[in-house]
Amino acid sequence: MLESLKLGNFRAQAGHLGLDQELAADAAVDIFFLADLRPILQRFGNRGYRAVQLEAGVIGGKL
């Protein structure tokens, strides 16, 4: 079940997270996968970055 965490206009933030592209700012829906890399890199070393990308890809594929 989806719920709103915060109401408002987030087009500027979406555009920034979308590498300052208008497509992300103008889209009706944006989904961003964010991760705190510090603990992951401490645990897995350089492989942690790749593991995070793989996990985001798996979750994105299920959407």
N, C-alpha and C. Protein backbone atom coordinates (compact mmCIF):
# COMPACT_ATOMS: atom_id res chain seq x y z
N MET A 1 0.84 -1.17 0.00
CA MET A 1 0.00 0.00 0.00
C MET A 1 0.89 1.24 0.00
N LEU A 2 0.61 2.15 -0.90
CA LEU A 2 1.37 3.40 -0.99
C LEU A 2 0.74 4.46 -0.13
N GLU A 3 1.57 5.31 0.44
CA GLU A 3 1.06 6.43 1.21
C GLU A 3 1.97 7.63 1.01
N SER A 4 1.40 8.80 1.10
CA SER A 4 2.18 10.04 0.95
C SER A 4 2.96 10.30 2.23
N LEU A 5 4.25 10.50 2.11
CA LEU A 5 5.06 10.87 3.26
C LEU A 5 5.10 12.37 3.45
N LYS A 6 4.98 13.08 2.33
CA LYS A 6 5.04 14.54 2.38
C LYS A 6 4.33 15.06 1.14
N LEU A 7 3.45 16.02 1.31
CA LEU A 7 2.73 16.61 0.19
C LEU A 7 3.47 17.83 -0.32
N GLY A 8 3.35 18.09 -1.60
CA GLY A 8 3.97 19.28 -2.17
C GLY A 8 4.40 19.07 -3.61
N ASN A 9 5.02 20.08 -4.16
CA ASN A 9 5.54 20.05 -5.53
C ASN A 9 7.03 19.75 -5.46
N PHE A 10 7.43 18.60 -5.95
CA PHE A 10 8.82 18.16 -5.86
C PHE A 10 9.49 18.08 -7.24
N ARG A 11 8.99 18.85 -8.19
CA ARG A 11 9.54 18.80 -9.54
C ARG A 11 11.01 19.23 -9.58
N ALA A 12 11.37 20.25 -8.83
CA ALA A 12 12.76 20.72 -8.83
C ALA A 12 13.69 19.65 -8.27
N GLN A 13 13.28 19.00 -7.17
CA GLN A 13 14.11 17.95 -6.58
C GLN A 13 14.19 16.74 -7.51
N ALA A 14 13.08 16.39 -8.16
CA ALA A 14 13.10 15.26 -9.10
C ALA A 14 14.02 15.56 -10.27
N GLY A 15 13.98 16.78 -10.77
CA GLY A 15 14.87 17.16 -11.85
C GLY A 15 16.32 17.08 -11.44
N HIS A 16 16.62 17.50 -10.22
CA HIS A 16 18.00 17.44 -9.72
C HIS A 16 18.47 15.99 -9.59
N LEU A 17 17.63 15.14 -8.99
CA LEU A 17 17.99 13.73 -8.85
C LEU A 17 18.09 13.03 -10.20
N GLY A 18 17.36 13.53 -11.19
CA GLY A 18 17.41 12.98 -12.54
C GLY A 18 18.50 13.63 -13.38
N LEU A 19 19.58 14.04 -12.71
CA LEU A 19 20.74 14.64 -13.37
C LEU A 19 20.37 15.91 -14.13
N ASP A 20 19.49 16.70 -13.51
CA ASP A 20 19.07 18.00 -14.04
C ASP A 20 18.44 17.91 -15.43
N GLN A 21 17.76 16.81 -15.68
CA GLN A 21 17.06 16.65 -16.95
C GLN A 21 15.59 17.04 -16.78
N GLU A 22 15.05 17.73 -17.78
CA GLU A 22 13.65 18.14 -17.72
C GLU A 22 12.71 16.95 -17.70
N LEU A 23 13.11 15.85 -18.31
CA LEU A 23 12.26 14.66 -18.36
C LEU A 23 11.86 14.22 -16.95
N ALA A 24 12.81 14.17 -16.04
CA ALA A 24 12.51 13.76 -14.67
C ALA A 24 11.66 14.80 -13.96
N ALA A 25 11.91 16.07 -14.22
CA ALA A 25 11.15 17.14 -13.56
C ALA A 25 9.72 17.20 -14.08
N ASP A 26 9.49 16.85 -15.33
CA ASP A 26 8.17 16.96 -15.93
C ASP A 26 7.35 15.66 -15.88
N ALA A 27 7.95 14.58 -15.43
CA ALA A 27 7.26 13.28 -15.43
C ALA A 27 6.13 13.25 -14.40
N ALA A 28 5.11 12.48 -14.69
CA ALA A 28 4.00 12.31 -13.75
C ALA A 28 4.43 11.47 -12.55
N VAL A 29 5.34 10.52 -12.78
CA VAL A 29 5.83 9.65 -11.71
C VAL A 29 7.33 9.47 -11.89
N ASP A 30 8.06 9.59 -10.79
CA ASP A 30 9.50 9.31 -10.77
C ASP A 30 9.76 8.33 -9.63
N ILE A 31 10.63 7.38 -9.87
CA ILE A 31 11.04 6.45 -8.82
C ILE A 31 12.56 6.50 -8.76
N PHE A 32 13.08 6.78 -7.58
CA PHE A 32 14.52 6.85 -7.37
C PHE A 32 14.90 5.81 -6.33
N PHE A 33 15.98 5.11 -6.56
CA PHE A 33 16.50 4.16 -5.60
C PHE A 33 17.72 4.80 -4.95
N LEU A 34 17.66 4.99 -3.64
CA LEU A 34 18.73 5.64 -2.91
C LEU A 34 19.29 4.67 -1.88
N ALA A 35 20.60 4.77 -1.63
CA ALA A 35 21.23 3.89 -0.65
C ALA A 35 22.31 4.65 0.10
N ASP A 36 22.45 4.35 1.36
CA ASP A 36 23.56 4.87 2.16
C ASP A 36 24.74 3.92 1.93
N LEU A 37 25.70 4.36 1.16
CA LEU A 37 26.80 3.47 0.75
C LEU A 37 27.83 3.21 1.85
N ARG A 38 27.93 4.09 2.84
CA ARG A 38 28.98 3.93 3.86
C ARG A 38 28.98 2.55 4.51
N PRO A 39 27.87 2.12 5.11
CA PRO A 39 27.90 0.80 5.75
C PRO A 39 28.08 -0.35 4.76
N ILE A 40 27.58 -0.18 3.57
CA ILE A 40 27.70 -1.23 2.56
C ILE A 40 29.15 -1.37 2.10
N LEU A 41 29.80 -0.23 1.86
CA LEU A 41 31.21 -0.27 1.45
C LEU A 41 32.10 -0.77 2.57
N GLN A 42 31.76 -0.46 3.81
CA GLN A 42 32.55 -0.97 4.94
C GLN A 42 32.44 -2.49 5.03
N ARG A 43 31.27 -3.00 4.75
CA ARG A 43 31.06 -4.45 4.86
C ARG A 43 31.60 -5.22 3.66
N PHE A 44 31.36 -4.70 2.45
CA PHE A 44 31.69 -5.44 1.23
C PHE A 44 32.87 -4.87 0.46
N GLY A 45 33.41 -3.74 0.89
CA GLY A 45 34.49 -3.12 0.15
C GLY A 45 33.98 -2.56 -1.17
N ASN A 46 34.86 -2.53 -2.18
CA ASN A 46 34.49 -1.97 -3.48
C ASN A 46 33.35 -2.73 -4.15
N ARG A 47 33.15 -3.99 -3.79
CA ARG A 47 32.05 -4.77 -4.38
C ARG A 47 30.69 -4.27 -3.92
N GLY A 48 30.66 -3.51 -2.83
CA GLY A 48 29.39 -3.01 -2.29
C GLY A 48 28.65 -2.13 -3.26
N TYR A 49 29.37 -1.30 -4.00
CA TYR A 49 28.73 -0.40 -4.97
C TYR A 49 28.01 -1.22 -6.04
N ARG A 50 28.66 -2.25 -6.49
CA ARG A 50 28.06 -3.12 -7.51
C ARG A 50 26.85 -3.87 -6.94
N ALA A 51 26.95 -4.31 -5.69
CA ALA A 51 25.84 -5.02 -5.06
C ALA A 51 24.61 -4.12 -4.93
N VAL A 52 24.83 -2.85 -4.60
CA VAL A 52 23.72 -1.90 -4.48
C VAL A 52 23.05 -1.70 -5.84
N GLN A 53 23.84 -1.57 -6.89
CA GLN A 53 23.27 -1.40 -8.22
C GLN A 53 22.49 -2.65 -8.64
N LEU A 54 23.01 -3.80 -8.33
CA LEU A 54 22.32 -5.05 -8.67
C LEU A 54 20.99 -5.14 -7.93
N GLU A 55 21.00 -4.81 -6.65
CA GLU A 55 19.76 -4.85 -5.86
C GLU A 55 18.73 -3.87 -6.40
N ALA A 56 19.15 -2.67 -6.76
CA ALA A 56 18.23 -1.68 -7.34
C ALA A 56 17.66 -2.19 -8.66
N GLY A 57 18.48 -2.86 -9.45
CA GLY A 57 18.02 -3.41 -10.72
C GLY A 57 16.99 -4.51 -10.53
N VAL A 58 17.20 -5.35 -9.53
CA VAL A 58 16.25 -6.43 -9.24
C VAL A 58 14.91 -5.84 -8.80
N ILE A 59 14.97 -4.87 -7.89
CA ILE A 59 13.73 -4.24 -7.41
C ILE A 59 13.04 -3.50 -8.55
N GLY A 60 13.80 -2.77 -9.36
CA GLY A 60 13.23 -2.06 -10.50
C GLY A 60 12.58 -3.01 -11.50
N GLY A 61 13.18 -4.17 -11.68
CA GLY A 61 12.61 -5.16 -12.59
C GLY A 61 11.28 -5.70 -12.10
N LYS A 62 11.11 -5.74 -10.80
CA LYS A 62 9.85 -6.23 -10.23
C LYS A 62 8.75 -5.18 -10.28
N LEU A 63 9.13 -3.92 -10.45
CA LEU A 63 8.11 -2.88 -10.54
C LEU A 63 7.45 -2.94 -11.88
